[in-house]
Amino acid sequence: MPPADPLIAIVDDDPAVRRSLAMLLDTRGWAAREFERAADLLAAPDIGVFACLLLDVRIPGMSGLELFDELRRRVRDTARYLPPVLFLTGHGDIPMVVQALKQGAADFLEKPADPRSLLDAIGRAIAADRDARAAFASKAALLRDIAALTPREREVLTELVGGYLSKQIADHLQISTKTVEAHRLRICHKFNVRTGMELAAKLRDVPASAWQQPQ
């Protein structure tokens, strides 16, 4: 969980720029943590403490765009949360940053950024972070519930989400309808739903591989 007051990560190799940005953020009551290189941010124990990440595109060594790619890879591999990412960019970098937006970056501003526009963009990122963090926590809890299912419950769940009736499921799995109903009731209870349709809706954004039994 992030600190009670928003904390912003600033990654820029120019100490004067970092200091100026930190002072600007302080006018809104937002704290900042400064990083000179991409590697410094990657070495941080948990980027989840930040409400957003403010990255300069042209950082010596690993660029801001390469840093974004690496952050995305790491959270994907570890199922961790990635805060919103904003880029500060020169005019010539805009096509590259537009590509980053398609990959999930929150916004970008051209240098030198207008202070009001920058603060407004960060404010939107902080608001988006609150919503995204709540959705991430909800999905994580759902994945924990799925992980607790028995192998047979996973099989029945796959059938239920597929829209099959209890008798059809019984035929597919070669078990009795009464057994299917017992599993269905336990599954619905675990996920706090009453019907297969509610269950399918709850699992809509969860990949089927999360609950399906490996072949």
C-alpha atoms as a PDB file:
ATOM      1  CA  MET A   1       0.000   0.000   0.000  1.00  0.00           C
ATOM      2  CA  PRO A   2       1.199   3.563  -0.726  1.00  0.00           C
ATOM      3  CA  PRO A   3       1.796   6.082   2.069  1.00  0.00           C
ATOM      4  CA  ALA A   4      -1.177   8.168   3.192  1.00  0.00           C
ATOM      5  CA  ASP A   5       0.227  11.216   1.375  1.00  0.00           C
ATOM      6  CA  PRO A   6       0.997  10.775  -2.334  1.00  0.00           C
ATOM      7  CA  LEU A   7       4.656  10.019  -3.044  1.00  0.00           C
ATOM      8  CA  ILE A   8       5.972  10.682  -6.552  1.00  0.00           C
ATOM      9  CA  ALA A   9       9.079   9.091  -8.057  1.00  0.00           C
ATOM     10  CA  ILE A  10      11.150  11.455 -10.216  1.00  0.00           C
ATOM     11  CA  VAL A  11      13.710   9.882 -12.541  1.00  0.00           C
ATOM     12  CA  ASP A  12      15.955  12.457 -14.243  1.00  0.00           C
ATOM     13  CA  ASP A  13      19.736  12.678 -14.543  1.00  0.00           C
ATOM     14  CA  ASP A  14      19.756  16.454 -13.993  1.00  0.00           C
ATOM     15  CA  PRO A  15      19.783  17.230 -10.231  1.00  0.00           C
ATOM     16  CA  ALA A  16      18.546  20.785 -10.811  1.00  0.00           C
ATOM     17  CA  VAL A  17      15.520  19.468 -12.727  1.00  0.00           C
ATOM     18  CA  ARG A  18      14.789  16.905 -10.021  1.00  0.00           C
ATOM     19  CA  ARG A  19      15.008  19.528  -7.299  1.00  0.00           C
ATOM     20  CA  SER A  20      12.785  21.933  -9.235  1.00  0.00           C
ATOM     21  CA  LEU A  21      10.169  19.232  -9.816  1.00  0.00           C
ATOM     22  CA  ALA A  22      10.243  18.190  -6.165  1.00  0.00           C
ATOM     23  CA  MET A  23       9.706  21.783  -5.059  1.00  0.00           C
ATOM     24  CA  LEU A  24       6.817  22.139  -7.511  1.00  0.00           C
ATOM     25  CA  LEU A  25       5.182  18.969  -6.173  1.00  0.00           C
ATOM     26  CA  ASP A  26       5.560  20.274  -2.638  1.00  0.00           C
ATOM     27  CA  THR A  27       3.248  23.187  -3.505  1.00  0.00           C
ATOM     28  CA  ARG A  28       0.438  20.594  -3.730  1.00  0.00           C
ATOM     29  CA  GLY A  29       1.542  18.763  -0.612  1.00  0.00           C
ATOM     30  CA  TRP A  30       2.994  15.854  -2.612  1.00  0.00           C
ATOM     31  CA  ALA A  31       6.265  14.312  -1.523  1.00  0.00           C
ATOM     32  CA  ALA A  32       8.926  13.269  -4.028  1.00  0.00           C
ATOM     33  CA  ARG A  33      11.726  10.739  -4.108  1.00  0.00           C
ATOM     34  CA  GLU A  34      14.482  11.493  -6.597  1.00  0.00           C
ATOM     35  CA  PHE A  35      16.372   8.999  -8.761  1.00  0.00           C
ATOM     36  CA  GLU A  36      19.264   9.861 -11.085  1.00  0.00           C
ATOM     37  CA  ARG A  37      19.226   6.716 -13.218  1.00  0.00           C
ATOM     38  CA  ALA A  38      16.758   4.045 -14.227  1.00  0.00           C
ATOM     39  CA  ALA A  39      18.797   1.482 -12.303  1.00  0.00           C
ATOM     40  CA  ASP A  40      18.262   3.470  -9.104  1.00  0.00           C
ATOM     41  CA  LEU A  41      14.502   3.167  -9.389  1.00  0.00           C
ATOM     42  CA  LEU A  42      14.742  -0.504 -10.332  1.00  0.00           C
ATOM     43  CA  ALA A  43      16.759  -1.071  -7.148  1.00  0.00           C
ATOM     44  CA  ALA A  44      14.004   0.412  -4.980  1.00  0.00           C
ATOM     45  CA  PRO A  45      12.462  -2.236  -2.681  1.00  0.00           C
ATOM     46  CA  ASP A  46       8.875  -1.627  -3.801  1.00  0.00           C
ATOM     47  CA  ILE A  47       7.680   0.773  -6.488  1.00  0.00           C
ATOM     48  CA  GLY A  48       4.148   0.192  -5.201  1.00  0.00           C
ATOM     49  CA  VAL A  49       4.760   2.882  -2.566  1.00  0.00           C
ATOM     50  CA  PHE A  50       4.584   5.539  -5.300  1.00  0.00           C
ATOM     51  CA  ALA A  51       1.334   7.117  -6.475  1.00  0.00           C
ATOM     52  CA  CYS A  52       2.923   7.752  -9.882  1.00  0.00           C
ATOM     53  CA  LEU A  53       6.277   7.681 -11.665  1.00  0.00           C
ATOM     54  CA  LEU A  54       7.582  10.744 -13.503  1.00  0.00           C
ATOM     55  CA  LEU A  55      10.198   9.632 -16.028  1.00  0.00           C
ATOM     56  CA  ASP A  56      12.455  11.657 -18.280  1.00  0.00           C
ATOM     57  CA  VAL A  57      12.652   9.975 -21.687  1.00  0.00           C
ATOM     58  CA  ARG A  58      16.359  10.667 -22.241  1.00  0.00           C
ATOM     59  CA  ILE A  59      18.129   9.208 -19.208  1.00  0.00           C
ATOM     60  CA  PRO A  60      21.757   8.128 -19.792  1.00  0.00           C
ATOM     61  CA  GLY A  61      22.098   4.367 -19.877  1.00  0.00           C
ATOM     62  CA  MET A  62      18.647   2.809 -19.796  1.00  0.00           C
ATOM     63  CA  SER A  63      16.206   5.365 -21.264  1.00  0.00           C
ATOM     64  CA  GLY A  64      12.880   6.244 -19.692  1.00  0.00           C
ATOM     65  CA  LEU A  65      11.074   4.210 -22.356  1.00  0.00           C
ATOM     66  CA  GLU A  66      13.322   1.198 -21.728  1.00  0.00           C
ATOM     67  CA  LEU A  67      12.717   1.636 -18.005  1.00  0.00           C
ATOM     68  CA  PHE A  68       8.973   1.574 -18.623  1.00  0.00           C
ATOM     69  CA  ASP A  69       9.316  -1.653 -20.604  1.00  0.00           C
ATOM     70  CA  GLU A  70      11.383  -3.229 -17.826  1.00  0.00           C
ATOM     71  CA  LEU A  71       8.895  -2.148 -15.144  1.00  0.00           C
ATOM     72  CA  ARG A  72       6.045  -3.628 -17.146  1.00  0.00           C
ATOM     73  CA  ARG A  73       7.946  -6.891 -17.542  1.00  0.00           C
ATOM     74  CA  ARG A  74       8.728  -7.104 -13.838  1.00  0.00           C
ATOM     75  CA  VAL A  75       5.187  -6.501 -12.609  1.00  0.00           C
ATOM     76  CA  ARG A  76       3.851  -8.946 -15.195  1.00  0.00           C
ATOM     77  CA  ASP A  77       6.253 -11.657 -14.036  1.00  0.00           C
ATOM     78  CA  THR A  78       5.624 -11.046 -10.332  1.00  0.00           C
ATOM     79  CA  ALA A  79       1.919 -10.070 -10.424  1.00  0.00           C
ATOM     80  CA  ARG A  80       2.727  -6.803  -8.638  1.00  0.00           C
ATOM     81  CA  TYR A  81       1.197  -3.361  -9.061  1.00  0.00           C
ATOM     82  CA  LEU A  82       2.653  -0.714 -11.391  1.00  0.00           C
ATOM     83  CA  PRO A  83       1.680   2.892 -10.559  1.00  0.00           C
ATOM     84  CA  PRO A  84       0.763   5.292 -13.392  1.00  0.00           C
ATOM     85  CA  VAL A  85       3.743   6.419 -15.477  1.00  0.00           C
ATOM     86  CA  LEU A  86       4.110   9.927 -16.909  1.00  0.00           C
ATOM     87  CA  PHE A  87       6.860  10.961 -19.326  1.00  0.00           C
ATOM     88  CA  LEU A  88       8.707  14.250 -19.719  1.00  0.00           C
ATOM     89  CA  THR A  89       9.891  14.426 -23.291  1.00  0.00           C
ATOM     90  CA  GLY A  90      11.476  16.588 -25.953  1.00  0.00           C
ATOM     91  CA  HIS A  91       9.554  17.252 -29.163  1.00  0.00           C
ATOM     92  CA  GLY A  92      11.521  14.674 -31.160  1.00  0.00           C
ATOM     93  CA  ASP A  93      10.584  11.901 -28.720  1.00  0.00           C
ATOM     94  CA  ILE A  94       6.814  12.273 -29.101  1.00  0.00           C
ATOM     95  CA  PRO A  95       6.269   9.384 -31.593  1.00  0.00           C
ATOM     96  CA  MET A  96       8.065   7.011 -29.214  1.00  0.00           C
ATOM     97  CA  VAL A  97       6.049   8.188 -26.227  1.00  0.00           C
ATOM     98  CA  VAL A  98       2.788   7.838 -28.152  1.00  0.00           C
ATOM     99  CA  GLN A  99       3.732   4.180 -28.545  1.00  0.00           C
ATOM    100  CA  ALA A 100       4.296   4.007 -24.782  1.00  0.00           C
ATOM    101  CA  LEU A 101       0.810   5.450 -24.242  1.00  0.00           C
ATOM    102  CA  LYS A 102      -0.587   2.572 -26.280  1.00  0.00           C
ATOM    103  CA  GLN A 103       1.246   0.230 -23.929  1.00  0.00           C
ATOM    104  CA  GLY A 104      -0.299   1.767 -20.821  1.00  0.00           C
ATOM    105  CA  ALA A 105       1.578   4.955 -19.936  1.00  0.00           C
ATOM    106  CA  ALA A 106      -0.709   7.513 -18.308  1.00  0.00           C
ATOM    107  CA  ASP A 107       0.420  10.734 -20.042  1.00  0.00           C
ATOM    108  CA  PHE A 108       3.354  12.755 -21.352  1.00  0.00           C
ATOM    109  CA  LEU A 109       4.330  16.417 -21.314  1.00  0.00           C
ATOM    110  CA  GLU A 110       6.810  18.226 -23.507  1.00  0.00           C
ATOM    111  CA  LYS A 111       9.782  19.968 -21.947  1.00  0.00           C
ATOM    112  CA  PRO A 112       9.817  22.540 -20.583  1.00  0.00           C
ATOM    113  CA  ALA A 113       6.501  21.527 -19.027  1.00  0.00           C
ATOM    114  CA  ASP A 114       4.077  24.215 -17.956  1.00  0.00           C
ATOM    115  CA  PRO A 115       3.903  23.927 -14.132  1.00  0.00           C
ATOM    116  CA  ARG A 116       0.097  24.030 -13.996  1.00  0.00           C
ATOM    117  CA  SER A 117      -0.254  21.447 -16.769  1.00  0.00           C
ATOM    118  CA  LEU A 118       2.282  19.200 -15.066  1.00  0.00           C
ATOM    119  CA  LEU A 119       0.552  19.432 -11.681  1.00  0.00           C
ATOM    120  CA  ASP A 120      -2.812  18.759 -13.296  1.00  0.00           C
ATOM    121  CA  ALA A 121      -1.436  15.692 -15.105  1.00  0.00           C
ATOM    122  CA  ILE A 122       0.077  14.355 -11.892  1.00  0.00           C
ATOM    123  CA  GLY A 123      -3.193  15.025 -10.066  1.00  0.00           C
ATOM    124  CA  ARG A 124      -5.052  12.925 -12.652  1.00  0.00           C
ATOM    125  CA  ALA A 125      -2.453  10.179 -12.280  1.00  0.00           C
ATOM    126  CA  ILE A 126      -2.867  10.167  -8.491  1.00  0.00           C
ATOM    127  CA  ALA A 127      -6.647   9.887  -8.856  1.00  0.00           C
ATOM    128  CA  ALA A 128      -6.230   7.089 -11.403  1.00  0.00           C
ATOM    129  CA  ASP A 129      -3.810   5.355  -9.036  1.00  0.00           C
ATOM    130  CA  ARG A 130      -6.441   5.191  -6.293  1.00  0.00           C
ATOM    131  CA  ASP A 131      -8.970   3.559  -8.615  1.00  0.00           C
ATOM    132  CA  ALA A 132      -6.449   1.217 -10.236  1.00  0.00           C
ATOM    133  CA  ARG A 133      -5.027   0.159  -6.881  1.00  0.00           C
ATOM    134  CA  ALA A 134      -8.495  -0.744  -5.590  1.00  0.00           C
ATOM    135  CA  ALA A 135      -9.224  -2.769  -8.736  1.00  0.00           C
ATOM    136  CA  PHE A 136      -5.830  -4.485  -8.482  1.00  0.00           C
ATOM    137  CA  ALA A 137      -6.463  -5.436  -4.843  1.00  0.00           C
ATOM    138  CA  SER A 138      -9.891  -6.820  -5.750  1.00  0.00           C
ATOM    139  CA  LYS A 139      -8.445  -8.910  -8.577  1.00  0.00           C
ATOM    140  CA  ALA A 140      -5.627 -10.156  -6.333  1.00  0.00           C
ATOM    141  CA  ALA A 141      -8.186 -11.303  -3.748  1.00  0.00           C
ATOM    142  CA  LEU A 142     -10.135 -13.060  -6.497  1.00  0.00           C
ATOM    143  CA  LEU A 143      -6.999 -14.868  -7.674  1.00  0.00           C
ATOM    144  CA  ARG A 144      -6.336 -16.004  -4.096  1.00  0.00           C
ATOM    145  CA  ASP A 145      -9.862 -17.430  -3.934  1.00  0.00           C
ATOM    146  CA  ILE A 146      -9.296 -19.240  -7.230  1.00  0.00           C
ATOM    147  CA  ALA A 147      -6.000 -20.669  -5.987  1.00  0.00           C
ATOM    148  CA  ALA A 148      -7.843 -22.156  -2.994  1.00  0.00           C
ATOM    149  CA  LEU A 149     -10.218 -24.201  -5.191  1.00  0.00           C
ATOM    150  CA  THR A 150      -9.843 -27.967  -5.366  1.00  0.00           C
ATOM    151  CA  PRO A 151      -8.993 -29.572  -8.732  1.00  0.00           C
ATOM    152  CA  ARG A 152     -12.590 -30.797  -9.124  1.00  0.00           C
ATOM    153  CA  GLU A 153     -13.968 -27.349  -8.250  1.00  0.00           C
ATOM    154  CA  ARG A 154     -11.764 -25.867 -10.971  1.00  0.00           C
ATOM    155  CA  GLU A 155     -13.231 -28.296 -13.486  1.00  0.00           C
ATOM    156  CA  VAL A 156     -16.779 -27.456 -12.451  1.00  0.00           C
ATOM    157  CA  LEU A 157     -15.954 -23.735 -12.474  1.00  0.00           C
ATOM    158  CA  THR A 158     -14.705 -23.965 -16.058  1.00  0.00           C
ATOM    159  CA  GLU A 159     -17.970 -25.617 -17.075  1.00  0.00           C
ATOM    160  CA  LEU A 160     -20.110 -23.099 -15.190  1.00  0.00           C
ATOM    161  CA  VAL A 161     -18.358 -20.134 -16.777  1.00  0.00           C
ATOM    162  CA  GLY A 162     -18.836 -21.861 -20.131  1.00  0.00           C
ATOM    163  CA  GLY A 163     -22.595 -21.631 -19.574  1.00  0.00           C
ATOM    164  CA  TYR A 164     -23.315 -25.331 -19.153  1.00  0.00           C
ATOM    165  CA  LEU A 165     -26.187 -26.635 -17.024  1.00  0.00           C
ATOM    166  CA  SER A 166     -25.621 -29.031 -14.124  1.00  0.00           C
ATOM    167  CA  LYS A 167     -26.772 -32.093 -16.114  1.00  0.00           C
ATOM    168  CA  GLN A 168     -24.439 -31.198 -18.977  1.00  0.00           C
ATOM    169  CA  ILE A 169     -21.558 -30.698 -16.567  1.00  0.00           C
ATOM    170  CA  ALA A 170     -22.305 -34.067 -14.964  1.00  0.00           C
ATOM    171  CA  ASP A 171     -22.149 -35.721 -18.383  1.00  0.00           C
ATOM    172  CA  HIS A 172     -18.911 -33.930 -19.320  1.00  0.00           C
ATOM    173  CA  LEU A 173     -17.157 -34.809 -16.057  1.00  0.00           C
ATOM    174  CA  GLN A 174     -18.834 -38.203 -15.645  1.00  0.00           C
ATOM    175  CA  ILE A 175     -20.132 -37.452 -12.160  1.00  0.00           C
ATOM    176  CA  SER A 176     -23.634 -37.234 -10.739  1.00  0.00           C
ATOM    177  CA  THR A 177     -25.801 -34.136 -11.064  1.00  0.00           C
ATOM    178  CA  LYS A 178     -26.071 -34.048  -7.266  1.00  0.00           C
ATOM    179  CA  THR A 179     -22.258 -33.881  -7.018  1.00  0.00           C
ATOM    180  CA  VAL A 180     -22.171 -31.066  -9.549  1.00  0.00           C
ATOM    181  CA  GLU A 181     -24.769 -29.137  -7.548  1.00  0.00           C
ATOM    182  CA  ALA A 182     -22.751 -29.604  -4.361  1.00  0.00           C
ATOM    183  CA  HIS A 183     -19.630 -28.253  -6.052  1.00  0.00           C
ATOM    184  CA  ARG A 184     -21.591 -25.385  -7.610  1.00  0.00           C
ATOM    185  CA  LEU A 185     -22.958 -24.321  -4.225  1.00  0.00           C
ATOM    186  CA  ARG A 186     -19.496 -24.388  -2.643  1.00  0.00           C
ATOM    187  CA  ILE A 187     -17.996 -22.407  -5.527  1.00  0.00           C
ATOM    188  CA  CYS A 188     -20.740 -19.784  -5.436  1.00  0.00           C
ATOM    189  CA  HIS A 189     -20.339 -19.492  -1.668  1.00  0.00           C
ATOM    190  CA  LYS A 190     -16.568 -18.995  -1.998  1.00  0.00           C
ATOM    191  CA  PHE A 191     -17.069 -16.242  -4.561  1.00  0.00           C
ATOM    192  CA  ASN A 192     -20.115 -14.731  -2.835  1.00  0.00           C
ATOM    193  CA  VAL A 193     -22.425 -15.099  -5.840  1.00  0.00           C
ATOM    194  CA  ARG A 194     -25.713 -16.908  -6.375  1.00  0.00           C
ATOM    195  CA  THR A 195     -25.752 -17.899 -10.028  1.00  0.00           C
ATOM    196  CA  GLY A 196     -23.427 -19.049 -12.792  1.00  0.00           C
ATOM    197  CA  MET A 197     -24.076 -15.771 -14.626  1.00  0.00           C
ATOM    198  CA  GLU A 198     -22.927 -13.737 -11.621  1.00  0.00           C
ATOM    199  CA  LEU A 199     -19.884 -15.977 -11.353  1.00  0.00           C
ATOM    200  CA  ALA A 200     -18.998 -15.484 -15.045  1.00  0.00           C
ATOM    201  CA  ALA A 201     -19.375 -11.711 -14.660  1.00  0.00           C
ATOM    202  CA  LYS A 202     -17.076 -11.681 -11.640  1.00  0.00           C
ATOM    203  CA  LEU A 203     -14.428 -13.633 -13.512  1.00  0.00           C
ATOM    204  CA  ARG A 204     -14.787 -11.682 -16.755  1.00  0.00           C
ATOM    205  CA  ASP A 205     -11.404  -9.949 -16.489  1.00  0.00           C
ATOM    206  CA  VAL A 206      -9.547 -12.976 -15.146  1.00  0.00           C
ATOM    207  CA  PRO A 207      -7.804 -15.179 -17.764  1.00  0.00           C
ATOM    208  CA  ALA A 208      -9.262 -18.679 -17.962  1.00  0.00           C
ATOM    209  CA  SER A 209      -5.772 -20.089 -17.374  1.00  0.00           C
ATOM    210  CA  ALA A 210      -6.066 -18.866 -13.766  1.00  0.00           C
ATOM    211  CA  TRP A 211      -8.663 -21.497 -12.912  1.00  0.00           C
ATOM    212  CA  GLN A 212      -8.490 -24.151 -15.618  1.00  0.00           C
ATOM    213  CA  GLN A 213      -6.688 -27.375 -14.774  1.00  0.00           C
ATOM    214  CA  PRO A 214      -3.432 -27.922 -16.722  1.00  0.00           C
ATOM    215  CA  GLN A 215      -3.757 -30.595 -19.400  1.00  0.00           C
END
